Structures are given as C-alpha cells and as structure tokens.
Amino acid sequence: MSLEAGIQAIAAPLGIAIDDPQVASALASVQTEAAAEGAGAQETLSRVRTLFDSYQQIYSHGNIDAGKALDAAKQFVSQNHAVSGAIDTASGLLKAAQAAASGNMNPADVASAFSGPVIAAMTAAGAMSAGTGAAIVAGLAIADSLLNAANVFPNRPGFDVCPGFQIRTPNPPDFAIGCVAVFDPLGAITPGSKQWRAFPEAANHADVWWYTGPDQNTPDWIDWKGARWIIQKGALSLARPITQAFPETMAVLTDPATFDVNALSTWGVLPWNPSAEQLGAFADFQRAFAQAWKSNKEFWLNGRHGADDVQVLEHFARIWNRGHMPGQGLDVGAAPADTEVNLAGGGLLVYSPYFTTLITQLGRANVADVMSSDGMRVHINTGSMKQLAKPLNFSGIIARVAAAPKKFLHSGATDAYKAALAKAQADASSPYPPPPTFMSKAITVAKEGAPYAGGAGLGVGLVALLAKFRR
C-alpha cells in the first residue's frame, strides 16, 4: 500500500476529507516534518493517524474552529512523535530538574516538563484520548469537558482512607492520595489552568509541610492551594506527608551523585567501569525522569488519575532517546524492588534510582524500542542533545516558481525530476543540508531532470525538493 493510500484509509472511516485546504495543509506539515527527520512510511502513517484522531475528536466535540482543532492536533503530533518535540521535552525536563535543585522553579519549566511524557503515557494506556491530549497541549477551552468525559477521577475512599487510617469527620474526603485525605472544594482541575497544583518542592517555603518530619510534631493537616490535606499520625505513620501520599518520592528525588557506582555495577544496574559519558547520561536521565514522574503525580494532586509509573518510564525513555544522539549508549539493568534502607533516626538510604525498579515490569511489556537487544534492560542514548538545523526560507522561491510558465511542469519533466530528486536525496547527508549543499543538489536536479535553460528549470527542481524540505 502506498503512503497516499494509507493516509486515505485512515481518513475515510473518520469522515475526514483530505482535500479540504485546512486538512491538506496540516497533513503536509506533518508529512514534511516526518520526511525531514527521515521517518519511514509506517512512522509517517502513525503520525497521520494521531493527527486525524485528535483532530476528529476535538472538532466533533463542537464549538471549536476547525483551524484551531488542526493546530492543536499538529502540536500534539510534533510533541509526541517528532524529534523536535522530543528535544523540547527532554531539555525542558532537565531545565526543570536544575530549577528544582536550586529552588528556583519556573512555571514555564513545569509546563514543559508536564506536557510530553504524561499525556503520551496516558494516551497509550487508554486513560486519555489523543484529542484530549491535544486539547491540553494547546490549552483549548474544551480540555476540561474532554477530561471529564474520560472520567479520569480518583475514587472516593469513604472514611477508611488507607489501612489503619479511618478519618473522623462529618463527611468523607473528596479523594485520597495514598494515606493523605483530601477535602477539595475546587474539584478536578484542568491541566494548564491557573489553579493547577504543581508538585510540592522542598525548597519552596509554601511546600515545606510536605517534607516535614517524620515525627509526632508534624501537623496532621494543612490548607494548601485551595484544599485541606490530612495525614495519618501515630505509630503507623512514621513518614513525611509527601511519602504518605507518594511512597517512592525520596527514592525518585535522591541526587544521582550519591549512588555508589561499584555497588550499582555489582547489582547489574550499570556495567563495570562505565565511561564518564555513560555516567553523565545516567545521572541526567535519572534527574529528568524525576521531573516526568513528578509531572505525572500532579494529576493526583489535582483530583485526577495519572499514568502508571512504568508507563511514564516507557514514554520518557522513548522521548529521551529520540532527542539524544546514540553516543556510546548504556543498557541499564533492573534493581531489586526495594531500593530503600531505613536508617536510625528516621533517615533513608536509597541505593539505586527508583526508575531501575520499574525495568522488570517494562521488560514484561515487551517495548522493544526502548529496551536492550536481550529485552532485559532499558537502553539509554548517551550522546548530546540532537540539534536540528533550521530549513531555508522558501517564500521568495515559492513565489517565483508559482509565476513560472505551466508548460515547464508537464508530466515528462515531473517524472524526470522525481528520478533526479531520488538521486539527490540519496546523496544528502542531513535532512536539512546547509544552504550551499542544498543549492548544489537543487542545481543537480534541475540539470539532470530536464533540458530547460535558465531560472525556470531551476525552479522546477526546487519545486521537487520543496516536497521534502518545506515545513
């Protein structure tokens, strides 16, 4: 089946007319981005399916302009499929990790960290539709109603919040996170809204309560960001509020620099004598994953369900590798399920990053594209962040070609140019060659494709190349 036939087969059941000018423009944008990144037919069709699914779900919801729906769908595709989106997300997560470590978290960093891995994970898990994800990414007003329709809400726990913790209030809490009861008059909050609760940070004065203790002097409730949060106290609650809500928190947030590399090698998490490049990537991967994990937990803090941790790891690893050069590469093995040791005085020793405890589950899921060849380890690209050169500005060229005589575009010339274009593309070493290389290829196409002289022949060659290089 040709690419064109595959696109039609996706569009037809959804009732989408691919010859509609707005749809055709969005489709061309997605195809061009895929071609520029060297995506094959299967990956291109996957992007097209996401584009059409999310567009159809948003547009059929009503009260939304087709152009806005298509723009949202394109943004969602770019963020969750394209190399450029992976670079933005991976770099945003690393920036958020650096900001959190310095106590200088920026809301924009939080938004960047939140949008990619979590929405992709929840969409793949079936908890959220592509249309809902696209509406959230683009900040559309209908995101709230789409989320509500998806029914991704935590269960009301009644008065028995968790084993050993029965709350004594006139009414049961609105929801519970672990062993934390929540009375929330705001209800479920829409991602991206001003009321959205970011994950509490230890360096933020307003969030200190979450990291207080564990001891009997810790207040057992707090009014925080529009809701009342009540924790369990007594002999069964020797944990900070943040770990009563999310038990893995301290293992997730432990500084990678504190891990014993020899111990990690002994347990099979790391290879023996890893290089500086591999150790650096391992540490950055852990720090960035921590931000993706926190972003996912924000769903619970805002009265909604998030994705399972293993799903976040899967999609984060995919985004990380898509946005980084292969480098030496690193296969990270699974750590035992319990990576924490309680120390005297209430301290905690974490001897392996939390994400390594999820690898066994990931292996069972058989997601080969993020696993090592034996399917037992997560593969991490250890090279630098990819750099995508910007394409040329084609506006002037397009205008000149549009004014060229139509006789230069007859079928014989088109066939000849297709053959010459294939040769030029095979010789190209980059999706976006630098201008001299690009012009050299264009001139080659013009000379080999047809015998026309002057600018018109060159123009036809450029028309052919634009099919690949124009955004």
Protein backbone atom coordinates (compact mmCIF):
# COMPACT_ATOMS: atom_id res chain seq x y z
CA MET A 1 0.00 0.00 0.00
CA SER A 2 1.35 3.43 -0.95
CA LEU A 3 1.65 6.23 1.58
CA GLU A 4 -1.18 8.11 -0.12
CA ALA A 5 -3.45 5.04 0.05
CA GLY A 6 -2.55 4.53 3.71
CA ILE A 7 -3.47 8.13 4.52
CA GLN A 8 -6.79 7.78 2.72
CA ALA A 9 -7.50 4.54 4.59
CA ILE A 10 -7.01 6.36 7.91
CA ALA A 11 -9.06 9.42 6.93
CA ALA A 12 -12.07 7.74 5.32
CA PRO A 13 -13.54 5.95 8.39
CA LEU A 14 -13.23 9.19 10.37
CA GLY A 15 -15.09 11.15 7.71
CA ILE A 16 -12.13 13.48 7.14
CA ALA A 17 -11.76 14.96 3.64
CA ILE A 18 -8.04 15.14 2.93
CA ASP A 19 -8.64 17.55 0.02
CA ASP A 20 -10.04 20.16 2.40
CA PRO A 21 -7.50 23.02 2.26
CA GLN A 22 -7.01 23.25 6.04
CA VAL A 23 -6.72 19.48 6.43
CA ALA A 24 -4.37 19.26 3.46
CA SER A 25 -2.16 21.99 4.94
CA ALA A 26 -1.97 20.25 8.34
CA LEU A 27 -1.28 16.92 6.64
CA ALA A 28 1.51 18.45 4.55
CA SER A 29 3.06 19.93 7.70
CA VAL A 30 3.09 16.56 9.47
CA GLN A 31 4.41 14.71 6.40
CA THR A 32 7.14 17.29 5.82
CA GLU A 33 8.30 17.11 9.44
CA ALA A 34 8.35 13.31 9.24
CA ALA A 35 10.30 13.33 5.96
CA ALA A 36 12.78 15.89 7.27
CA GLU A 37 13.52 13.60 10.21
CA GLY A 38 13.94 10.55 7.99
CA ALA A 39 10.77 8.80 9.18
CA GLY A 40 9.66 5.78 7.15
CA ALA A 41 6.17 5.11 5.84
CA GLN A 42 5.00 3.27 8.97
CA GLU A 43 6.10 6.07 11.32
CA THR A 44 4.63 8.70 8.99
CA LEU A 45 1.27 6.91 8.97
CA SER A 46 1.41 6.68 12.76
CA ARG A 47 1.80 10.45 12.93
CA VAL A 48 -1.03 10.94 10.43
CA ARG A 49 -3.31 8.67 12.47
CA THR A 50 -2.58 10.69 15.62
CA LEU A 51 -3.23 13.91 13.69
CA PHE A 52 -6.58 12.74 12.33
CA ASP A 53 -7.74 11.02 15.53
CA SER A 54 -7.04 14.04 17.71
CA TYR A 55 -8.48 16.47 15.16
CA GLN A 56 -11.66 14.44 14.71
CA GLN A 57 -12.16 14.06 18.47
CA ILE A 58 -11.72 17.78 19.09
CA TYR A 59 -13.72 19.02 16.10
CA SER A 60 -16.64 16.64 16.68
CA HIS A 61 -16.89 17.92 20.25
CA GLY A 62 -18.47 21.08 18.85
CA ASN A 63 -17.96 24.79 19.40
CA ILE A 64 -14.39 24.67 18.14
CA ASP A 65 -12.97 26.15 14.95
CA ALA A 66 -11.55 23.59 12.51
CA GLY A 67 -8.34 25.58 12.20
CA LYS A 68 -7.78 25.63 15.96
CA ALA A 69 -8.54 21.91 16.17
CA LEU A 70 -6.00 21.16 13.45
CA ASP A 71 -3.38 23.41 15.05
CA ALA A 72 -3.86 21.58 18.37
CA ALA A 73 -3.59 18.22 16.63
CA LYS A 74 -0.38 19.26 14.82
CA GLN A 75 1.14 20.47 18.07
CA PHE A 76 0.30 17.19 19.77
CA VAL A 77 1.83 15.16 16.93
CA SER A 78 5.01 17.22 16.95
CA GLN A 79 5.42 16.96 20.70
CA ASN A 80 4.84 13.22 20.98
CA HIS A 81 6.25 11.89 17.69
CA ALA A 82 8.81 14.31 16.28
CA VAL A 83 12.48 14.66 17.14
CA SER A 84 11.97 18.40 17.61
CA GLY A 85 9.25 17.73 20.19
CA ALA A 86 11.46 15.21 21.97
CA ILE A 87 14.28 17.75 22.16
CA ASP A 88 11.92 20.36 23.62
CA THR A 89 10.53 17.94 26.19
CA ALA A 90 13.85 16.39 27.22
CA SER A 91 15.53 19.78 27.54
CA GLY A 92 12.52 21.12 29.44
CA LEU A 93 12.71 18.26 31.93
CA LEU A 94 16.43 18.85 32.50
CA LYS A 95 15.82 22.57 32.96
CA ALA A 96 13.06 21.79 35.46
CA ALA A 97 15.41 19.45 37.35
CA GLN A 98 18.05 22.16 37.58
CA ALA A 99 15.48 24.73 38.70
CA ALA A 100 14.06 22.40 41.34
CA ALA A 101 17.53 21.70 42.72
CA SER A 102 18.20 25.42 43.08
CA GLY A 103 14.76 26.20 44.49
CA ASN A 104 14.08 28.45 41.52
CA MET A 105 11.35 26.55 39.68
CA ASN A 106 9.78 28.45 36.80
CA PRO A 107 6.11 27.75 35.89
CA ALA A 108 7.12 27.54 32.23
CA ASP A 109 9.57 24.76 33.08
CA VAL A 110 6.82 22.92 34.92
CA ALA A 111 4.53 23.19 31.91
CA SER A 112 7.26 21.91 29.60
CA ALA A 113 8.00 19.03 31.93
CA PHE A 114 4.34 18.14 32.27
CA SER A 115 3.11 18.13 28.73
CA GLY A 116 5.07 15.47 26.85
CA PRO A 117 5.62 12.21 28.74
CA VAL A 118 2.48 12.25 30.85
CA ILE A 119 0.00 12.91 28.07
CA ALA A 120 1.71 10.40 25.79
CA ALA A 121 1.71 7.78 28.53
CA MET A 122 -1.95 8.28 29.40
CA THR A 123 -2.99 8.27 25.74
CA ALA A 124 -1.18 4.98 25.11
CA ALA A 125 -2.67 3.48 28.27
CA GLY A 126 -6.19 4.32 27.11
CA ALA A 127 -6.85 6.66 30.03
CA MET A 128 -6.87 9.70 27.76
CA SER A 129 -7.74 10.14 24.10
CA ALA A 130 -5.43 11.78 21.59
CA GLY A 131 -7.99 14.56 21.26
CA THR A 132 -7.92 15.21 24.99
CA GLY A 133 -4.13 15.26 24.95
CA ALA A 134 -4.09 17.66 22.01
CA ALA A 135 -6.62 19.97 23.70
CA ILE A 136 -4.48 20.06 26.86
CA VAL A 137 -1.23 20.67 24.98
CA ALA A 138 -2.78 23.52 23.01
CA GLY A 139 -4.63 24.97 26.00
CA LEU A 140 -8.08 24.72 24.39
CA ALA A 141 -11.10 25.64 26.50
CA ILE A 142 -12.72 22.26 25.80
CA ALA A 143 -9.92 20.35 27.57
CA ASP A 144 -11.88 20.30 30.83
CA SER A 145 -15.02 18.76 29.33
CA LEU A 146 -12.96 16.20 27.40
CA LEU A 147 -11.17 15.19 30.60
CA ASN A 148 -14.45 14.96 32.46
CA ALA A 149 -15.86 12.75 29.72
CA ALA A 150 -12.82 10.48 30.07
CA ASN A 151 -13.78 10.02 33.75
CA VAL A 152 -10.18 10.03 35.00
CA PHE A 153 -11.01 10.72 38.63
CA PRO A 154 -9.73 9.04 41.80
CA ASN A 155 -12.26 7.02 43.76
CA ARG A 156 -13.88 8.49 46.85
CA PRO A 157 -12.38 6.46 49.70
CA GLY A 158 -15.14 6.82 52.27
CA PHE A 159 -13.95 7.22 55.86
CA ASP A 160 -11.34 4.43 55.59
CA VAL A 161 -8.57 6.31 53.85
CA CYS A 162 -5.96 3.55 54.00
CA PRO A 163 -5.21 0.54 56.26
CA GLY A 164 -5.11 1.79 59.86
CA PHE A 165 -6.30 5.30 58.99
CA GLN A 166 -10.01 5.99 59.49
CA ILE A 167 -10.79 9.68 59.29
CA ARG A 168 -13.29 11.11 61.77
CA THR A 169 -15.05 13.97 60.01
CA PRO A 170 -18.76 14.67 59.36
CA ASN A 171 -18.29 13.96 55.66
CA PRO A 172 -15.85 11.65 53.87
CA PRO A 173 -12.96 13.23 51.93
CA ASP A 174 -13.39 14.06 48.27
CA PHE A 175 -10.47 11.80 47.39
CA ALA A 176 -7.32 10.32 48.87
CA ILE A 177 -3.73 10.04 47.66
CA GLY A 178 -2.05 7.11 49.41
CA CYS A 179 -2.68 7.82 53.11
CA VAL A 180 -3.50 11.51 52.65
CA ALA A 181 -7.16 12.51 52.77
CA VAL A 182 -8.18 15.49 50.65
CA PHE A 183 -11.14 17.83 51.06
CA ASP A 184 -11.14 19.79 47.83
CA PRO A 185 -13.88 22.34 47.03
CA LEU A 186 -12.24 23.11 43.67
CA GLY A 187 -13.00 19.67 42.25
CA ALA A 188 -10.98 18.23 39.40
CA ILE A 189 -8.66 20.91 37.98
CA THR A 190 -7.82 21.28 34.30
CA PRO A 191 -4.13 20.92 33.33
CA GLY A 192 -2.60 24.23 32.39
CA SER A 193 -5.11 26.31 34.35
CA LYS A 194 -4.01 28.91 36.91
CA GLN A 195 -5.34 26.70 39.71
CA TRP A 196 -3.25 23.68 38.66
CA ARG A 197 -1.21 22.44 41.63
CA ALA A 198 2.44 21.83 40.85
CA PHE A 199 4.26 19.06 42.70
CA PRO A 200 5.47 20.39 46.08
CA GLU A 201 9.17 21.29 46.18
CA ALA A 202 11.26 21.02 49.37
CA ALA A 203 12.97 24.33 48.59
CA ASN A 204 9.66 26.18 48.27
CA HIS A 205 8.58 27.74 51.58
CA ALA A 206 4.89 27.23 50.82
CA ASP A 207 5.51 23.48 50.37
CA VAL A 208 7.66 22.84 53.47
CA TRP A 209 4.90 20.93 55.30
CA TRP A 210 5.06 18.13 52.76
CA TYR A 211 8.70 17.42 53.67
CA THR A 212 8.41 17.92 57.46
CA GLY A 213 9.18 15.05 59.85
CA PRO A 214 8.73 12.25 60.21
CA ASP A 215 7.93 12.88 63.88
CA GLN A 216 4.99 13.41 66.15
CA ASN A 217 5.35 17.19 65.92
CA THR A 218 4.35 17.29 62.27
CA PRO A 219 0.92 18.99 61.94
CA ASP A 220 -1.61 16.45 60.80
CA TRP A 221 -3.33 18.78 58.36
CA ILE A 222 -2.71 21.83 56.19
CA ASP A 223 -4.71 24.12 53.92
CA TRP A 224 -2.64 24.07 50.75
CA LYS A 225 -3.55 25.50 47.34
CA GLY A 226 -7.29 25.58 47.85
CA ALA A 227 -7.79 22.22 49.58
CA ARG A 228 -7.39 20.69 53.05
CA TRP A 229 -4.89 17.82 53.29
CA ILE A 230 -4.99 15.48 56.31
CA ILE A 231 -2.35 12.86 57.14
CA GLN A 232 -2.25 9.86 59.40
CA LYS A 233 -0.38 10.27 62.67
CA GLY A 234 0.80 7.85 65.33
CA ALA A 235 2.88 4.69 65.31
CA LEU A 236 1.72 3.67 61.82
CA SER A 237 2.70 6.94 60.17
CA LEU A 238 6.44 7.37 60.57
CA ALA A 239 6.75 9.08 57.21
CA ARG A 240 6.73 12.60 55.80
CA PRO A 241 3.43 13.78 54.31
CA ILE A 242 4.94 13.60 50.81
CA THR A 243 5.83 9.92 51.25
CA GLN A 244 2.45 9.18 52.81
CA ALA A 245 1.00 10.40 49.51
CA PHE A 246 3.69 9.03 47.19
CA PRO A 247 5.89 6.41 48.94
CA GLU A 248 8.53 6.45 46.18
CA THR A 249 9.22 10.18 46.42
CA MET A 250 12.55 10.12 48.24
CA ALA A 251 13.88 7.34 46.01
CA VAL A 252 12.86 9.35 42.94
CA LEU A 253 14.39 12.61 44.15
CA THR A 254 17.69 11.27 45.51
CA ASP A 255 20.65 13.03 43.89
CA PRO A 256 22.27 10.62 41.39
CA ALA A 257 25.68 11.80 42.62
CA THR A 258 25.11 9.91 45.90
CA PHE A 259 24.87 6.48 44.30
CA ASP A 260 27.75 4.03 44.66
CA VAL A 261 28.78 3.17 41.10
CA ASN A 262 30.60 -0.03 42.15
CA ALA A 263 27.52 -1.22 44.02
CA LEU A 264 25.30 -0.45 41.01
CA SER A 265 27.70 -2.45 38.83
CA THR A 266 27.68 -5.36 41.31
CA TRP A 267 23.89 -5.50 41.21
CA GLY A 268 23.89 -5.37 37.40
CA VAL A 269 22.27 -1.93 37.16
CA LEU A 270 25.37 -0.48 35.45
CA PRO A 271 28.16 -2.20 33.52
CA TRP A 272 31.60 -2.45 35.09
CA ASN A 273 33.81 0.61 34.55
CA PRO A 274 31.22 2.83 32.85
CA SER A 275 32.66 5.79 30.98
CA ALA A 276 32.24 9.42 32.01
CA GLU A 277 29.81 9.86 29.11
CA GLN A 278 27.67 6.94 30.29
CA LEU A 279 27.67 8.07 33.93
CA GLY A 280 26.74 11.61 32.92
CA ALA A 281 23.83 10.41 30.80
CA PHE A 282 22.71 8.03 33.56
CA ALA A 283 22.60 10.90 36.06
CA ASP A 284 20.80 13.28 33.69
CA PHE A 285 18.33 10.54 32.72
CA GLN A 286 17.52 10.00 36.41
CA ARG A 287 17.12 13.73 37.07
CA ALA A 288 14.90 14.27 34.03
CA PHE A 289 12.83 11.15 34.77
CA ALA A 290 12.21 12.54 38.26
CA GLN A 291 10.60 15.61 36.68
CA ALA A 292 8.45 13.46 34.40
CA TRP A 293 7.42 11.37 37.42
CA LYS A 294 6.52 14.50 39.43
CA SER A 295 4.58 15.89 36.49
CA ASN A 296 2.55 12.69 36.36
CA LYS A 297 1.83 12.79 40.11
CA GLU A 298 0.39 16.26 39.67
CA PHE A 299 -2.69 14.65 38.17
CA TRP A 300 -3.46 13.10 41.57
CA LEU A 301 -2.81 16.37 43.39
CA ASN A 302 -5.41 17.97 41.14
CA GLY A 303 -8.17 15.43 41.64
CA ARG A 304 -7.46 13.24 38.61
CA HIS A 305 -5.79 9.95 37.76
CA GLY A 306 -2.30 9.89 36.29
CA ALA A 307 -0.47 7.17 34.40
CA ASP A 308 1.26 4.19 35.97
CA ASP A 309 4.93 4.83 36.75
CA VAL A 310 6.08 2.15 34.33
CA GLN A 311 4.16 3.86 31.51
CA VAL A 312 5.84 7.15 32.33
CA LEU A 313 9.23 5.42 32.20
CA GLU A 314 8.43 3.83 28.84
CA HIS A 315 7.41 7.07 27.17
CA PHE A 316 10.08 9.13 28.87
CA ALA A 317 12.79 6.72 27.68
CA ARG A 318 11.40 6.90 24.16
CA ILE A 319 11.41 10.71 24.21
CA TRP A 320 14.90 10.80 25.74
CA ASN A 321 16.36 8.56 23.04
CA ARG A 322 14.55 10.38 20.27
CA GLY A 323 16.02 13.67 21.44
CA HIS A 324 19.62 12.47 22.05
CA MET A 325 22.40 11.20 19.82
CA PRO A 326 23.25 7.49 20.30
CA GLY A 327 26.73 8.12 21.72
CA GLN A 328 28.32 5.12 23.42
CA GLY A 329 24.91 4.00 24.65
CA LEU A 330 24.06 2.48 28.02
CA ASP A 331 21.96 -0.55 28.94
CA VAL A 332 20.58 -0.09 32.46
CA GLY A 333 19.60 -3.23 34.37
CA ALA A 334 16.80 -3.72 36.88
CA ALA A 335 17.39 -3.16 40.59
CA PRO A 336 15.61 -5.13 43.34
CA ALA A 337 12.11 -3.87 44.10
CA ASP A 338 13.12 -2.47 47.50
CA THR A 339 15.88 0.08 46.97
CA GLU A 340 15.48 1.89 50.28
CA VAL A 341 17.05 1.23 53.68
CA ASN A 342 15.60 2.95 56.74
CA LEU A 343 18.35 4.38 58.94
CA ALA A 344 18.31 5.03 62.67
CA GLY A 345 16.73 8.35 63.47
CA GLY A 346 14.29 8.22 60.57
CA GLY A 347 16.79 8.76 57.77
CA LEU A 348 16.65 6.96 54.45
CA LEU A 349 19.36 5.41 52.30
CA VAL A 350 18.48 4.93 48.63
CA TYR A 351 20.94 2.69 46.83
CA SER A 352 19.52 2.68 43.30
CA PRO A 353 17.40 5.14 41.27
CA TYR A 354 13.67 4.42 41.51
CA PHE A 355 13.26 4.02 37.76
CA THR A 356 15.56 0.99 37.82
CA THR A 357 12.98 -0.87 39.96
CA LEU A 358 10.46 -0.49 37.11
CA ILE A 359 12.60 -2.08 34.43
CA THR A 360 11.42 -5.64 35.09
CA GLN A 361 7.81 -4.53 34.51
CA LEU A 362 8.88 -2.69 31.38
CA GLY A 363 10.59 -5.84 30.10
CA ARG A 364 7.37 -7.80 30.59
CA ALA A 365 5.58 -5.22 28.46
CA ASN A 366 7.98 -6.06 25.59
CA VAL A 367 8.51 -2.49 24.39
CA ALA A 368 11.47 -3.37 22.21
CA ASP A 369 12.17 0.16 21.02
CA VAL A 370 13.34 1.28 24.48
CA MET A 371 14.95 -1.98 25.58
CA SER A 372 18.33 -3.61 25.03
CA SER A 373 18.66 -6.41 22.49
CA ASP A 374 18.06 -9.07 25.18
CA GLY A 375 14.88 -7.31 26.34
CA MET A 376 16.11 -7.18 29.95
CA ARG A 377 17.46 -3.65 30.25
CA VAL A 378 16.46 -0.11 29.33
CA HIS A 379 18.67 1.34 26.59
CA ILE A 380 19.69 4.98 27.04
CA ASN A 381 21.28 7.12 24.35
CA THR A 382 24.30 8.81 25.94
CA GLY A 383 25.22 11.34 23.25
CA SER A 384 24.49 15.05 23.26
CA MET A 385 21.08 16.56 22.64
CA LYS A 386 20.28 16.48 18.94
CA GLN A 387 20.45 19.71 17.02
CA LEU A 388 18.06 20.32 14.15
CA ALA A 389 19.33 22.90 11.67
CA LYS A 390 16.64 25.30 10.51
CA PRO A 391 15.50 25.00 6.88
CA LEU A 392 15.88 27.78 4.36
CA ASN A 393 13.19 30.42 3.98
CA PHE A 394 11.45 29.36 0.78
CA SER A 395 8.87 32.16 0.49
CA GLY A 396 10.70 34.00 -2.31
CA ILE A 397 11.46 30.80 -4.19
CA ILE A 398 7.84 29.65 -3.97
CA ALA A 399 6.63 32.97 -5.34
CA ARG A 400 8.99 32.80 -8.33
CA VAL A 401 8.11 29.18 -9.07
CA ALA A 402 4.39 29.96 -8.86
CA ALA A 403 4.90 32.57 -11.59
CA ALA A 404 6.76 30.14 -13.90
CA PRO A 405 5.00 29.01 -17.10
CA LYS A 406 2.87 25.90 -16.56
CA LYS A 407 4.45 24.22 -19.61
CA PHE A 408 7.54 23.54 -17.54
CA LEU A 409 5.54 21.25 -15.28
CA HIS A 410 4.36 18.70 -17.86
CA SER A 411 4.34 15.02 -16.82
CA GLY A 412 7.54 14.06 -18.61
CA ALA A 413 9.53 16.67 -16.74
CA THR A 414 7.88 15.66 -13.48
CA ASP A 415 8.92 12.01 -13.91
CA ALA A 416 12.47 13.02 -14.79
CA TYR A 417 12.70 15.29 -11.80
CA LYS A 418 11.41 12.57 -9.47
CA ALA A 419 14.26 10.32 -10.60
CA ALA A 420 16.83 13.06 -10.18
CA LEU A 421 15.36 14.01 -6.80
CA ALA A 422 15.76 10.44 -5.58
CA LYS A 423 19.42 10.54 -6.53
CA ALA A 424 19.95 13.91 -4.82
CA GLN A 425 18.23 12.74 -1.65
CA ALA A 426 20.30 9.56 -1.56
CA ASP A 427 23.45 11.68 -1.63
CA ALA A 428 22.30 14.10 1.05
CA SER A 429 23.85 13.52 4.46
CA SER A 430 21.33 15.52 6.51
CA PRO A 431 17.58 16.27 6.41
CA TYR A 432 18.46 19.96 6.35
CA PRO A 433 21.78 20.38 4.46
CA PRO A 434 23.43 23.80 4.78
CA PRO A 435 22.47 26.28 2.05
CA PRO A 436 25.46 25.65 -0.30
CA THR A 437 24.79 21.90 -0.24
CA PHE A 438 21.09 22.45 -0.72
CA MET A 439 21.59 24.71 -3.70
CA SER A 440 24.10 22.29 -5.21
CA LYS A 441 21.55 19.48 -5.00
CA ALA A 442 18.84 21.72 -6.43
CA ILE A 443 21.02 22.66 -9.39
CA THR A 444 21.85 18.98 -9.95
CA VAL A 445 18.16 18.14 -10.04
CA ALA A 446 17.50 20.99 -12.43
CA LYS A 447 20.29 19.95 -14.83
CA GLU A 448 19.56 16.22 -14.79
CA GLY A 449 15.78 16.45 -14.73
CA ALA A 450 15.08 18.36 -17.91
CA PRO A 451 16.86 20.35 -20.61
CA TYR A 452 15.23 23.69 -19.81
CA ALA A 453 17.58 26.66 -19.54
CA GLY A 454 17.58 29.49 -17.05
CA GLY A 455 15.61 30.02 -13.89
CA ALA A 456 12.54 28.03 -14.90
CA GLY A 457 14.46 24.74 -14.99
CA LEU A 458 16.00 25.50 -11.62
CA GLY A 459 12.56 26.43 -10.34
CA VAL A 460 11.12 23.04 -11.27
CA GLY A 461 14.00 21.34 -9.47
CA LEU A 462 13.31 23.42 -6.38
CA VAL A 463 9.61 22.54 -6.54
CA ALA A 464 10.57 18.88 -6.33
CA LEU A 465 12.90 19.47 -3.40
CA LEU A 466 10.28 21.51 -1.56
CA ALA A 467 8.20 18.36 -1.19
CA LYS A 468 10.84 17.16 1.24
CA PHE A 469 12.27 20.33 2.72
CA ARG A 470 9.34 22.72 3.13
CA ARG A 471 7.57 22.89 6.51
